[in-house]
Amino acid sequence: MNPKPNENKKVVLVLMICIPSLMCYSQKKQESIKELFHVMQLDSIMDKTFSSMIPAIMSQMKSEDPSVNARANEMMTTTMQSAKVMVKKMMDEDMVTVYDKYFSQNEINDYITFYKSKSGQKFIKMTPEISKDLMTIMMQKYMPEFQKTIKEKVDEMKNTEKK
């Protein structure tokens, strides 16, 4: 049994009305997400975080191998610059889609309100310092033990392969 021509027209009409509305809603939400990223100062936080990571990583490398020199520092800086470009691309192209998937328009609006508040601004301001402190703690306190564990596992694997 085929639907009547009038019913087909009604379905098409409803779709013609709904689809642009949904697209407009999606665009508005994505624009709100971009505003959130702007309010959060993600570009600045990323730059400061990467900049603070280089000294912590170099310090760790020098503690493990005193022969680490300016060339290694230059390589680390170049590597971090490449990582920054990659993360910036991810922020511009992928993060909006991911946030769109997991947060409603109301939640995005709530986050924008928070990050515009005094507490939100302090959170933004302190995030690079917090990241720097956590990176230093990780590199000094946890990384040596982690590296030791990895070395033991590698040595263990080498020994079992020899047998």
Protein backbone atom coordinates (compact mmCIF):
# COMPACT_ATOMS: atom_id res chain seq x y z
CA MET A 1 0.00 0.00 0.00
CA ASN A 2 1.54 3.30 -1.12
CA PRO A 3 1.16 6.49 0.89
CA LYS A 4 -1.10 9.12 -0.57
CA PRO A 5 0.52 11.99 -2.50
CA ASN A 6 -0.66 14.50 0.13
CA GLU A 7 1.08 12.53 2.88
CA ASN A 8 4.34 12.56 0.88
CA LYS A 9 4.05 16.32 0.50
CA LYS A 10 3.49 16.72 4.25
CA VAL A 11 6.58 14.65 5.05
CA VAL A 12 8.69 16.66 2.61
CA LEU A 13 7.33 19.92 4.05
CA VAL A 14 8.11 18.85 7.62
CA LEU A 15 11.64 17.84 6.60
CA MET A 16 12.15 21.13 4.78
CA ILE A 17 11.18 23.01 7.93
CA CYS A 18 13.05 20.82 10.44
CA ILE A 19 16.39 20.27 8.71
CA PRO A 20 17.36 23.97 8.45
CA SER A 21 16.31 24.47 12.08
CA LEU A 22 18.49 21.56 13.20
CA MET A 23 21.40 22.82 11.12
CA CYS A 24 20.99 26.30 12.60
CA TYR A 25 20.92 24.83 16.11
CA SER A 26 24.05 22.81 15.39
CA GLN A 27 25.86 25.87 14.01
CA LYS A 28 24.82 27.95 17.04
CA LYS A 29 26.08 25.25 19.38
CA GLN A 30 29.37 24.97 17.53
CA GLU A 31 29.77 28.76 17.64
CA SER A 32 29.09 28.61 21.39
CA ILE A 33 31.76 25.93 21.76
CA LYS A 34 34.23 28.14 19.88
CA GLU A 35 33.29 31.02 22.18
CA LEU A 36 33.92 28.73 25.16
CA PHE A 37 37.40 27.91 23.85
CA HIS A 38 38.04 31.62 23.38
CA VAL A 39 36.83 32.47 26.90
CA MET A 40 38.92 29.61 28.28
CA GLN A 41 41.94 31.11 26.47
CA LEU A 42 42.90 27.66 25.25
CA ASP A 43 45.50 29.00 22.80
CA SER A 44 47.29 30.91 25.54
CA ILE A 45 47.06 28.04 28.03
CA MET A 46 48.44 25.64 25.44
CA ASP A 47 51.37 27.96 24.64
CA LYS A 48 52.22 28.48 28.31
CA THR A 49 51.88 24.79 29.10
CA PHE A 50 54.16 23.71 26.26
CA SER A 51 56.67 26.44 27.15
CA SER A 52 56.79 25.27 30.75
CA MET A 53 57.19 21.63 29.74
CA ILE A 54 60.47 22.14 27.89
CA PRO A 55 62.54 23.12 30.97
CA ALA A 56 61.04 20.27 33.02
CA ILE A 57 61.77 17.69 30.33
CA MET A 58 65.27 19.06 29.73
CA SER A 59 66.00 18.98 33.44
CA GLN A 60 64.92 15.35 33.60
CA MET A 61 67.00 14.48 30.55
CA LYS A 62 70.09 16.19 32.01
CA SER A 63 69.65 14.40 35.34
CA GLU A 64 69.66 11.08 33.49
CA ASP A 65 72.43 11.99 31.06
CA PRO A 66 74.71 14.94 31.90
CA SER A 67 75.97 15.02 28.31
CA VAL A 68 72.62 16.43 27.14
CA ASN A 69 73.51 19.70 25.49
CA ALA A 70 72.17 22.75 23.68
CA ARG A 71 71.54 20.61 20.58
CA ALA A 72 69.13 18.44 22.57
CA ASN A 73 67.46 21.58 23.91
CA GLU A 74 67.08 22.86 20.35
CA MET A 75 65.62 19.52 19.26
CA MET A 76 63.18 19.55 22.19
CA THR A 77 62.09 23.10 21.37
CA THR A 78 61.54 22.19 17.71
CA THR A 79 59.61 19.06 18.72
CA MET A 80 57.40 21.08 21.07
CA GLN A 81 56.73 23.61 18.30
CA SER A 82 55.55 20.77 16.06
CA ALA A 83 53.39 19.43 18.89
CA LYS A 84 51.87 22.89 19.39
CA VAL A 85 50.92 23.07 15.70
CA MET A 86 49.34 19.62 15.91
CA VAL A 87 47.40 20.47 19.09
CA LYS A 88 46.23 23.79 17.63
CA LYS A 89 44.93 21.95 14.56
CA MET A 90 43.17 19.45 16.80
CA MET A 91 41.61 22.29 18.81
CA ASP A 92 40.37 24.01 15.65
CA GLU A 93 39.15 20.93 13.83
CA ASP A 94 38.30 18.18 16.29
CA MET A 95 37.63 19.55 19.76
CA VAL A 96 34.48 21.40 18.65
CA THR A 97 33.05 18.12 17.34
CA VAL A 98 33.98 16.25 20.52
CA TYR A 99 32.51 18.93 22.82
CA ASP A 100 29.41 19.01 20.62
CA LYS A 101 29.03 15.27 21.15
CA TYR A 102 29.31 15.33 24.95
CA PHE A 103 27.87 18.67 26.09
CA SER A 104 24.45 20.22 25.61
CA GLN A 105 23.95 23.86 24.63
CA ASN A 106 22.94 24.64 28.23
CA GLU A 107 26.11 23.03 29.60
CA ILE A 108 28.27 24.97 27.14
CA ASN A 109 26.51 28.17 28.25
CA ASP A 110 27.16 27.26 31.90
CA TYR A 111 30.86 26.75 31.18
CA ILE A 112 31.05 30.08 29.36
CA THR A 113 29.45 31.79 32.36
CA PHE A 114 31.90 30.08 34.73
CA TYR A 115 35.00 30.94 32.71
CA LYS A 116 33.87 34.57 32.50
CA SER A 117 33.51 34.68 36.31
CA LYS A 118 36.27 35.74 38.72
CA SER A 119 36.86 32.13 39.77
CA GLY A 120 36.90 30.96 36.16
CA GLN A 121 39.42 33.64 35.22
CA LYS A 122 41.65 32.57 38.11
CA PHE A 123 41.34 28.94 36.99
CA ILE A 124 42.42 29.97 33.48
CA LYS A 125 45.29 32.05 34.81
CA MET A 126 46.58 29.30 37.11
CA THR A 127 46.20 26.33 34.73
CA PRO A 128 49.66 26.73 33.12
CA GLU A 129 51.32 27.03 36.54
CA ILE A 130 49.42 24.00 37.83
CA SER A 131 50.43 22.05 34.71
CA LYS A 132 54.06 23.11 35.15
CA ASP A 133 54.07 22.03 38.81
CA LEU A 134 52.44 18.70 37.98
CA MET A 135 54.89 18.10 35.12
CA THR A 136 57.82 18.82 37.44
CA ILE A 137 56.45 16.49 40.11
CA MET A 138 55.82 13.77 37.54
CA MET A 139 59.28 14.09 35.99
CA GLN A 140 61.11 14.20 39.33
CA LYS A 141 59.04 11.91 41.50
CA TYR A 142 57.39 9.36 39.25
CA MET A 143 59.28 9.23 35.95
CA PRO A 144 62.54 7.76 37.33
CA GLU A 145 60.67 4.85 38.91
CA PHE A 146 58.58 4.39 35.77
CA GLN A 147 61.70 4.37 33.59
CA LYS A 148 63.35 1.90 35.96
CA THR A 149 60.32 -0.40 35.68
CA ILE A 150 60.36 -0.20 31.89
CA LYS A 151 64.11 -0.92 31.80
CA GLU A 152 63.61 -3.96 34.06
CA LYS A 153 60.83 -5.26 31.80
CA VAL A 154 62.95 -4.75 28.67
CA ASP A 155 65.91 -6.49 30.31
CA GLU A 156 63.62 -9.31 31.41
CA MET A 157 62.33 -9.71 27.86
CA LYS A 158 65.86 -9.74 26.48
CA ASN A 159 66.90 -12.41 29.00
CA THR A 160 63.94 -14.67 28.17
CA GLU A 161 64.65 -14.30 24.43
CA LYS A 162 68.24 -15.45 24.94
CA LYS A 163 67.13 -18.68 26.61
